[in-house]
Amino acid sequence: DGLPTREQAFVQDGVLVSYALGLYASRRLGMAP
């Protein structure tokens, strides 16, 4: 989508902290890409 990639955690200390979202999916889910 032309958005910058970045180092990030999806699981931190065993906890699910983020989904992996592109632009369209983030809008469908009401979340940030």
PDB file of all heavy atoms in Angstrom:
ATOM      1  N   ASP A   1       0.821  -1.215   0.000  1.00  0.00           N
ATOM      2  CA  ASP A   1       0.000   0.000   0.000  1.00  0.00           C
ATOM      3  C   ASP A   1       0.850   1.258   0.000  1.00  0.00           C
ATOM      4  O   ASP A   1       0.306   2.365   0.037  1.00  0.00           O
ATOM      5  CB  ASP A   1      -0.906   0.017   1.236  1.00  0.00           C
ATOM      6  CG  ASP A   1      -1.817  -1.200   1.311  1.00  0.00           C
ATOM      7  OD1 ASP A   1      -2.502  -1.474   0.309  1.00  0.00           O
ATOM      8  OD2 ASP A   1      -1.841  -1.869   2.359  1.00  0.00           O
ATOM      9  N   GLY A   2       2.186   1.101  -0.013  1.00  0.00           N
ATOM     10  CA  GLY A   2       3.074   2.249   0.070  1.00  0.00           C
ATOM     11  C   GLY A   2       3.323   2.733   1.486  1.00  0.00           C
ATOM     12  O   GLY A   2       3.995   3.750   1.695  1.00  0.00           O
ATOM     13  N   LEU A   3       2.792   2.001   2.481  1.00  0.00           N
ATOM     14  CA  LEU A   3       2.998   2.384   3.878  1.00  0.00           C
ATOM     15  C   LEU A   3       4.342   1.859   4.380  1.00  0.00           C
ATOM     16  O   LEU A   3       4.777   0.774   3.983  1.00  0.00           O
ATOM     17  CB  LEU A   3       1.874   1.822   4.746  1.00  0.00           C
ATOM     18  CG  LEU A   3       0.477   2.366   4.442  1.00  0.00           C
ATOM     19  CD1 LEU A   3      -0.578   1.597   5.234  1.00  0.00           C
ATOM     20  CD2 LEU A   3       0.400   3.847   4.763  1.00  0.00           C
ATOM     21  N   PRO A   4       5.015   2.589   5.251  1.00  0.00           N
ATOM     22  CA  PRO A   4       6.329   2.143   5.714  1.00  0.00           C
ATOM     23  C   PRO A   4       6.230   0.871   6.535  1.00  0.00           C
ATOM     24  O   PRO A   4       5.325   0.713   7.356  1.00  0.00           O
ATOM     25  CB  PRO A   4       6.828   3.323   6.554  1.00  0.00           C
ATOM     26  CG  PRO A   4       5.578   4.049   6.984  1.00  0.00           C
ATOM     27  CD  PRO A   4       4.615   3.884   5.851  1.00  0.00           C
ATOM     28  N   THR A   5       7.163  -0.036   6.297  1.00  0.00           N
ATOM     29  CA  THR A   5       7.280  -1.205   7.159  1.00  0.00           C
ATOM     30  C   THR A   5       8.092  -0.815   8.390  1.00  0.00           C
ATOM     31  O   THR A   5       8.835   0.158   8.377  1.00  0.00           O
ATOM     32  CB  THR A   5       7.980  -2.347   6.413  1.00  0.00           C
ATOM     33  OG1 THR A   5       9.232  -1.871   5.905  1.00  0.00           O
ATOM     34  CG2 THR A   5       7.127  -2.842   5.255  1.00  0.00           C
ATOM     35  N   ARG A   6       7.950  -1.596   9.454  1.00  0.00           N
ATOM     36  CA  ARG A   6       8.670  -1.282  10.686  1.00  0.00           C
ATOM     37  C   ARG A   6       8.853  -2.547  11.507  1.00  0.00           C
ATOM     38  O   ARG A   6       8.067  -3.493  11.380  1.00  0.00           O
ATOM     39  CB  ARG A   6       7.896  -0.254  11.519  1.00  0.00           C
ATOM     40  CG  ARG A   6       6.531  -0.741  12.012  1.00  0.00           C
ATOM     41  CD  ARG A   6       5.787   0.345  12.758  1.00  0.00           C
ATOM     42  NE  ARG A   6       4.564  -0.113  13.381  1.00  0.00           N
ATOM     43  CZ  ARG A   6       3.382  -0.130  12.801  1.00  0.00           C
ATOM     44  NH1 ARG A   6       3.259   0.276  11.542  1.00  0.00           N
ATOM     45  NH2 ARG A   6       2.313  -0.540  13.469  1.00  0.00           N
ATOM     46  N   GLU A   7       9.893  -2.539  12.324  1.00  0.00           N
ATOM     47  CA  GLU A   7      10.059  -3.654  13.243  1.00  0.00           C
ATOM     48  C   GLU A   7       8.972  -3.570  14.302  1.00  0.00           C
ATOM     49  O   GLU A   7       8.734  -2.501  14.875  1.00  0.00           O
ATOM     50  CB  GLU A   7      11.444  -3.627  13.896  1.00  0.00           C
ATOM     51  CG  GLU A   7      11.691  -4.816  14.798  1.00  0.00           C
ATOM     52  CD  GLU A   7      13.139  -5.018  15.158  1.00  0.00           C
ATOM     53  OE1 GLU A   7      14.015  -4.605  14.363  1.00  0.00           O
ATOM     54  OE2 GLU A   7      13.398  -5.590  16.234  1.00  0.00           O
ATOM     55  N   GLN A   8       8.318  -4.700  14.554  1.00  0.00           N
ATOM     56  CA  GLN A   8       7.214  -4.698  15.502  1.00  0.00           C
ATOM     57  C   GLN A   8       6.987  -6.099  16.039  1.00  0.00           C
ATOM     58  O   GLN A   8       7.381  -7.089  15.420  1.00  0.00           O
ATOM     59  CB  GLN A   8       5.931  -4.195  14.837  1.00  0.00           C
ATOM     60  CG  GLN A   8       5.480  -5.027  13.645  1.00  0.00           C
ATOM     61  CD  GLN A   8       4.297  -4.417  12.907  1.00  0.00           C
ATOM     62  OE1 GLN A   8       3.453  -3.749  13.487  1.00  0.00           O
ATOM     63  NE2 GLN A   8       4.238  -4.639  11.602  1.00  0.00           N
ATOM     64  N   ALA A   9       6.368  -6.182  17.191  1.00  0.00           N
ATOM     65  CA  ALA A   9       6.017  -7.467  17.795  1.00  0.00           C
ATOM     66  C   ALA A   9       4.547  -7.768  17.539  1.00  0.00           C
ATOM     67  O   ALA A   9       3.691  -6.893  17.654  1.00  0.00           O
ATOM     68  CB  ALA A   9       6.292  -7.441  19.294  1.00  0.00           C
ATOM     69  N   PHE A  10       4.271  -9.011  17.192  1.00  0.00           N
ATOM     70  CA  PHE A  10       2.895  -9.490  17.146  1.00  0.00           C
ATOM     71  C   PHE A  10       2.547 -10.215  18.441  1.00  0.00           C
ATOM     72  O   PHE A  10       1.408 -10.180  18.888  1.00  0.00           O
ATOM     73  CB  PHE A  10       2.687 -10.415  15.946  1.00  0.00           C
ATOM     74  CG  PHE A  10       2.885  -9.733  14.621  1.00  0.00           C
ATOM     75  CD1 PHE A  10       3.919 -10.086  13.783  1.00  0.00           C
ATOM     76  CD2 PHE A  10       2.046  -8.701  14.235  1.00  0.00           C
ATOM     77  CE1 PHE A  10       4.103  -9.451  12.565  1.00  0.00           C
ATOM     78  CE2 PHE A  10       2.216  -8.049  13.033  1.00  0.00           C
ATOM     79  CZ  PHE A  10       3.252  -8.426  12.185  1.00  0.00           C
ATOM     80  N   VAL A  11       3.543 -10.859  19.029  1.00  0.00           N
ATOM     81  CA  VAL A  11       3.392 -11.498  20.335  1.00  0.00           C
ATOM     82  C   VAL A  11       4.499 -10.973  21.235  1.00  0.00           C
ATOM     83  O   VAL A  11       5.677 -10.997  20.864  1.00  0.00           O
ATOM     84  CB  VAL A  11       3.488 -13.032  20.223  1.00  0.00           C
ATOM     85  CG1 VAL A  11       3.499 -13.679  21.605  1.00  0.00           C
ATOM     86  CG2 VAL A  11       2.331 -13.582  19.397  1.00  0.00           C
ATOM     87  N   GLN A  12       4.136 -10.475  22.393  1.00  0.00           N
ATOM     88  CA  GLN A  12       5.108  -9.974  23.370  1.00  0.00           C
ATOM     89  C   GLN A  12       4.859 -10.687  24.691  1.00  0.00           C
ATOM     90  O   GLN A  12       3.744 -10.632  25.225  1.00  0.00           O
ATOM     91  CB  GLN A  12       4.958  -8.463  23.555  1.00  0.00           C
ATOM     92  CG  GLN A  12       5.989  -7.829  24.466  1.00  0.00           C
ATOM     93  CD  GLN A  12       7.363  -7.773  23.827  1.00  0.00           C
ATOM     94  OE1 GLN A  12       7.517  -7.326  22.690  1.00  0.00           O
ATOM     95  NE2 GLN A  12       8.353  -8.220  24.568  1.00  0.00           N
ATOM     96  N   ASP A  13       5.870 -11.369  25.186  1.00  0.00           N
ATOM     97  CA  ASP A  13       5.739 -12.123  26.444  1.00  0.00           C
ATOM     98  C   ASP A  13       4.537 -13.064  26.405  1.00  0.00           C
ATOM     99  O   ASP A  13       3.805 -13.225  27.391  1.00  0.00           O
ATOM    100  CB  ASP A  13       5.615 -11.164  27.631  1.00  0.00           C
ATOM    101  CG  ASP A  13       6.822 -10.253  27.770  1.00  0.00           C
ATOM    102  OD1 ASP A  13       7.934 -10.699  27.433  1.00  0.00           O
ATOM    103  OD2 ASP A  13       6.645  -9.093  28.182  1.00  0.00           O
ATOM    104  N   GLY A  14       4.333 -13.665  25.251  1.00  0.00           N
ATOM    105  CA  GLY A  14       3.257 -14.632  25.085  1.00  0.00           C
ATOM    106  C   GLY A  14       1.893 -14.054  24.766  1.00  0.00           C
ATOM    107  O   GLY A  14       0.968 -14.785  24.432  1.00  0.00           O
ATOM    108  N   VAL A  15       1.764 -12.730  24.841  1.00  0.00           N
ATOM    109  CA  VAL A  15       0.469 -12.066  24.633  1.00  0.00           C
ATOM    110  C   VAL A  15       0.367 -11.571  23.195  1.00  0.00           C
ATOM    111  O   VAL A  15       1.313 -10.963  22.664  1.00  0.00           O
ATOM    112  CB  VAL A  15       0.306 -10.888  25.611  1.00  0.00           C
ATOM    113  CG1 VAL A  15      -0.980 -10.114  25.328  1.00  0.00           C
ATOM    114  CG2 VAL A  15       0.314 -11.394  27.049  1.00  0.00           C
ATOM    115  N   LEU A  16      -0.771 -11.809  22.573  1.00  0.00           N
ATOM    116  CA  LEU A  16      -1.031 -11.297  21.234  1.00  0.00           C
ATOM    117  C   LEU A  16      -1.265  -9.795  21.327  1.00  0.00           C
ATOM    118  O   LEU A  16      -2.254  -9.353  21.900  1.00  0.00           O
ATOM    119  CB  LEU A  16      -2.251 -11.994  20.628  1.00  0.00           C
ATOM    120  CG  LEU A  16      -2.653 -11.568  19.212  1.00  0.00           C
ATOM    121  CD1 LEU A  16      -1.552 -11.873  18.210  1.00  0.00           C
ATOM    122  CD2 LEU A  16      -3.952 -12.272  18.787  1.00  0.00           C
ATOM    123  N   VAL A  17      -0.324  -9.000  20.788  1.00  0.00           N
ATOM    124  CA  VAL A  17      -0.399  -7.549  20.948  1.00  0.00           C
ATOM    125  C   VAL A  17      -0.762  -6.827  19.658  1.00  0.00           C
ATOM    126  O   VAL A  17      -1.106  -5.638  19.687  1.00  0.00           O
ATOM    127  CB  VAL A  17       0.925  -6.982  21.500  1.00  0.00           C
ATOM    128  CG1 VAL A  17       1.182  -7.491  22.915  1.00  0.00           C
ATOM    129  CG2 VAL A  17       2.112  -7.317  20.584  1.00  0.00           C
ATOM    130  N   SER A  18      -0.703  -7.519  18.520  1.00  0.00           N
ATOM    131  CA  SER A  18      -1.023  -6.846  17.268  1.00  0.00           C
ATOM    132  C   SER A  18      -1.418  -7.871  16.219  1.00  0.00           C
ATOM    133  O   SER A  18      -0.897  -8.992  16.196  1.00  0.00           O
ATOM    134  CB  SER A  18       0.183  -6.045  16.756  1.00  0.00           C
ATOM    135  OG  SER A  18      -0.088  -5.462  15.485  1.00  0.00           O
ATOM    136  N   TYR A  19      -2.337  -7.477  15.348  1.00  0.00           N
ATOM    137  CA  TYR A  19      -2.616  -8.236  14.141  1.00  0.00           C
ATOM    138  C   TYR A  19      -1.703  -7.742  13.024  1.00  0.00           C
ATOM    139  O   TYR A  19      -1.042  -6.706  13.158  1.00  0.00           O
ATOM    140  CB  TYR A  19      -4.080  -8.075  13.738  1.00  0.00           C
ATOM    141  CG  TYR A  19      -5.060  -8.744  14.674  1.00  0.00           C
ATOM    142  CD1 TYR A  19      -6.207  -8.067  15.107  1.00  0.00           C
ATOM    143  CD2 TYR A  19      -4.863 -10.046  15.110  1.00  0.00           C
ATOM    144  CE1 TYR A  19      -7.118  -8.680  15.961  1.00  0.00           C
ATOM    145  CE2 TYR A  19      -5.771 -10.661  15.964  1.00  0.00           C
ATOM    146  CZ  TYR A  19      -6.895  -9.980  16.384  1.00  0.00           C
ATOM    147  OH  TYR A  19      -7.775 -10.590  17.223  1.00  0.00           O
ATOM    148  N   ALA A  20      -1.669  -8.463  11.900  1.00  0.00           N
ATOM    149  CA  ALA A  20      -0.891  -8.078  10.729  1.00  0.00           C
ATOM    150  C   ALA A  20      -1.867  -7.554   9.674  1.00  0.00           C
ATOM    151  O   ALA A  20      -2.559  -8.344   9.023  1.00  0.00           O
ATOM    152  CB  ALA A  20      -0.104  -9.269  10.195  1.00  0.00           C
ATOM    153  N   LEU A  21      -1.917  -6.229   9.522  1.00  0.00           N
ATOM    154  CA  LEU A  21      -2.978  -5.610   8.737  1.00  0.00           C
ATOM    155  C   LEU A  21      -2.441  -4.760   7.597  1.00  0.00           C
ATOM    156  O   LEU A  21      -1.585  -3.897   7.791  1.00  0.00           O
ATOM    157  CB  LEU A  21      -3.847  -4.728   9.640  1.00  0.00           C
ATOM    158  CG  LEU A  21      -4.448  -5.383  10.883  1.00  0.00           C
ATOM    159  CD1 LEU A  21      -5.242  -4.364  11.675  1.00  0.00           C
ATOM    160  CD2 LEU A  21      -5.309  -6.583  10.502  1.00  0.00           C
ATOM    161  N   GLY A  22      -2.976  -5.010   6.417  1.00  0.00           N
ATOM    162  CA  GLY A  22      -2.818  -4.086   5.322  1.00  0.00           C
ATOM    163  C   GLY A  22      -3.873  -2.995   5.427  1.00  0.00           C
ATOM    164  O   GLY A  22      -4.706  -2.991   6.339  1.00  0.00           O
ATOM    165  N   LEU A  23      -3.847  -2.072   4.487  1.00  0.00           N
ATOM    166  CA  LEU A  23      -4.723  -0.901   4.559  1.00  0.00           C
ATOM    167  C   LEU A  23      -6.200  -1.272   4.518  1.00  0.00           C
ATOM    168  O   LEU A  23      -6.987  -0.847   5.378  1.00  0.00           O
ATOM    169  CB  LEU A  23      -4.376   0.056   3.410  1.00  0.00           C
ATOM    170  CG  LEU A  23      -5.172   1.350   3.343  1.00  0.00           C
ATOM    171  CD1 LEU A  23      -4.874   2.232   4.546  1.00  0.00           C
ATOM    172  CD2 LEU A  23      -4.863   2.092   2.039  1.00  0.00           C
ATOM    173  N   TYR A  24      -6.599  -2.064   3.517  1.00  0.00           N
ATOM    174  CA  TYR A  24      -8.020  -2.378   3.354  1.00  0.00           C
ATOM    175  C   TYR A  24      -8.551  -3.141   4.565  1.00  0.00           C
ATOM    176  O   TYR A  24      -9.611  -2.819   5.112  1.00  0.00           O
ATOM    177  CB  TYR A  24      -8.242  -3.189   2.081  1.00  0.00           C
ATOM    178  CG  TYR A  24      -9.681  -3.565   1.850  1.00  0.00           C
ATOM    179  CD1 TYR A  24     -10.572  -2.644   1.309  1.00  0.00           C
ATOM    180  CD2 TYR A  24     -10.166  -4.829   2.195  1.00  0.00           C
ATOM    181  CE1 TYR A  24     -11.913  -2.977   1.107  1.00  0.00           C
ATOM    182  CE2 TYR A  24     -11.486  -5.168   1.997  1.00  0.00           C
ATOM    183  CZ  TYR A  24     -12.362  -4.237   1.452  1.00  0.00           C
ATOM    184  OH  TYR A  24     -13.680  -4.570   1.263  1.00  0.00           O
ATOM    185  N   ALA A  25      -7.801  -4.161   5.006  1.00  0.00           N
ATOM    186  CA  ALA A  25      -8.250  -4.948   6.148  1.00  0.00           C
ATOM    187  C   ALA A  25      -8.366  -4.084   7.397  1.00  0.00           C
ATOM    188  O   ALA A  25      -9.296  -4.246   8.193  1.00  0.00           O
ATOM    189  CB  ALA A  25      -7.293  -6.111   6.393  1.00  0.00           C
ATOM    190  N   SER A  26      -7.422  -3.169   7.589  1.00  0.00           N
ATOM    191  CA  SER A  26      -7.473  -2.305   8.777  1.00  0.00           C
ATOM    192  C   SER A  26      -8.737  -1.455   8.779  1.00  0.00           C
ATOM    193  O   SER A  26      -9.352  -1.239   9.828  1.00  0.00           O
ATOM    194  CB  SER A  26      -6.230  -1.418   8.833  1.00  0.00           C
ATOM    195  OG  SER A  26      -6.234  -0.423   7.833  1.00  0.00           O
ATOM    196  N   ARG A  27      -9.129  -0.987   7.611  1.00  0.00           N
ATOM    197  CA  ARG A  27     -10.356  -0.193   7.534  1.00  0.00           C
ATOM    198  C   ARG A  27     -11.577  -1.052   7.820  1.00  0.00           C
ATOM    199  O   ARG A  27     -12.514  -0.605   8.491  1.00  0.00           O
ATOM    200  CB  ARG A  27     -10.452   0.461   6.153  1.00  0.00           C
ATOM    201  CG  ARG A  27      -9.444   1.598   5.943  1.00  0.00           C
ATOM    202  CD  ARG A  27      -9.430   2.070   4.509  1.00  0.00           C
ATOM    203  NE  ARG A  27      -8.599   3.276   4.347  1.00  0.00           N
ATOM    204  CZ  ARG A  27      -8.220   3.769   3.182  1.00  0.00           C
ATOM    205  NH1 ARG A  27      -8.596   3.150   2.047  1.00  0.00           N
ATOM    206  NH2 ARG A  27      -7.478   4.854   3.117  1.00  0.00           N
ATOM    207  N   ARG A  28     -11.573  -2.271   7.310  1.00  0.00           N
ATOM    208  CA  ARG A  28     -12.703  -3.164   7.571  1.00  0.00           C
ATOM    209  C   ARG A  28     -12.829  -3.460   9.057  1.00  0.00           C
ATOM    210  O   ARG A  28     -13.941  -3.628   9.581  1.00  0.00           O
ATOM    211  CB  ARG A  28     -12.517  -4.471   6.792  1.00  0.00           C
ATOM    212  CG  ARG A  28     -12.718  -4.371   5.298  1.00  0.00           C
ATOM    213  CD  ARG A  28     -14.181  -4.214   4.925  1.00  0.00           C
ATOM    214  NE  ARG A  28     -15.010  -5.316   5.381  1.00  0.00           N
ATOM    215  CZ  ARG A  28     -15.367  -6.343   4.640  1.00  0.00           C
ATOM    216  NH1 ARG A  28     -14.955  -6.429   3.383  1.00  0.00           N
ATOM    217  NH2 ARG A  28     -16.156  -7.280   5.121  1.00  0.00           N
ATOM    218  N   LEU A  29     -11.698  -3.526   9.748  1.00  0.00           N
ATOM    219  CA  LEU A  29     -11.696  -3.871  11.167  1.00  0.00           C
ATOM    220  C   LEU A  29     -11.749  -2.659  12.081  1.00  0.00           C
ATOM    221  O   LEU A  29     -11.844  -2.795  13.306  1.00  0.00           O
ATOM    222  CB  LEU A  29     -10.438  -4.687  11.489  1.00  0.00           C
ATOM    223  CG  LEU A  29     -10.365  -6.079  10.840  1.00  0.00           C
ATOM    224  CD1 LEU A  29      -8.963  -6.656  10.976  1.00  0.00           C
ATOM    225  CD2 LEU A  29     -11.396  -7.019  11.461  1.00  0.00           C
ATOM    226  N   GLY A  30     -11.677  -1.451  11.495  1.00  0.00           N
ATOM    227  CA  GLY A  30     -11.676  -0.248  12.312  1.00  0.00           C
ATOM    228  C   GLY A  30     -10.411  -0.100  13.139  1.00  0.00           C
ATOM    229  O   GLY A  30     -10.443   0.435  14.254  1.00  0.00           O
ATOM    230  N   MET A  31      -9.283  -0.565  12.587  1.00  0.00           N
ATOM    231  CA  MET A  31      -8.008  -0.514  13.288  1.00  0.00           C
ATOM    232  C   MET A  31      -6.974   0.197  12.423  1.00  0.00           C
ATOM    233  O   MET A  31      -7.207   0.459  11.239  1.00  0.00           O
ATOM    234  CB  MET A  31      -7.528  -1.931  13.644  1.00  0.00           C
ATOM    235  CG  MET A  31      -8.536  -2.748  14.442  1.00  0.00           C
ATOM    236  SD  MET A  31      -8.043  -4.469  14.703  1.00  0.00           S
ATOM    237  CE  MET A  31      -6.795  -4.225  15.960  1.00  0.00           C
ATOM    238  N   ALA A  32      -5.835   0.506  12.992  1.00  0.00           N
ATOM    239  CA  ALA A  32      -4.766   1.156  12.240  1.00  0.00           C
ATOM    240  C   ALA A  32      -3.993   0.115  11.433  1.00  0.00           C
ATOM    241  O   ALA A  32      -3.760  -1.003  11.912  1.00  0.00           O
ATOM    242  CB  ALA A  32      -3.821   1.892  13.186  1.00  0.00           C
ATOM    243  N   PRO A  33      -3.570   0.443  10.201  1.00  0.00           N
ATOM    244  CA  PRO A  33      -2.737  -0.497   9.438  1.00  0.00           C
ATOM    245  C   PRO A  33      -1.388  -0.687  10.112  1.00  0.00           C
ATOM    246  O   PRO A  33      -0.889   0.201  10.805  1.00  0.00           O
ATOM    247  CB  PRO A  33      -2.598   0.172   8.074  1.00  0.00           C
ATOM    248  CG  PRO A  33      -2.801   1.633   8.338  1.00  0.00           C
ATOM    249  CD  PRO A  33      -3.785   1.710   9.476  1.00  0.00           C
TER     250      PRO A  33
END
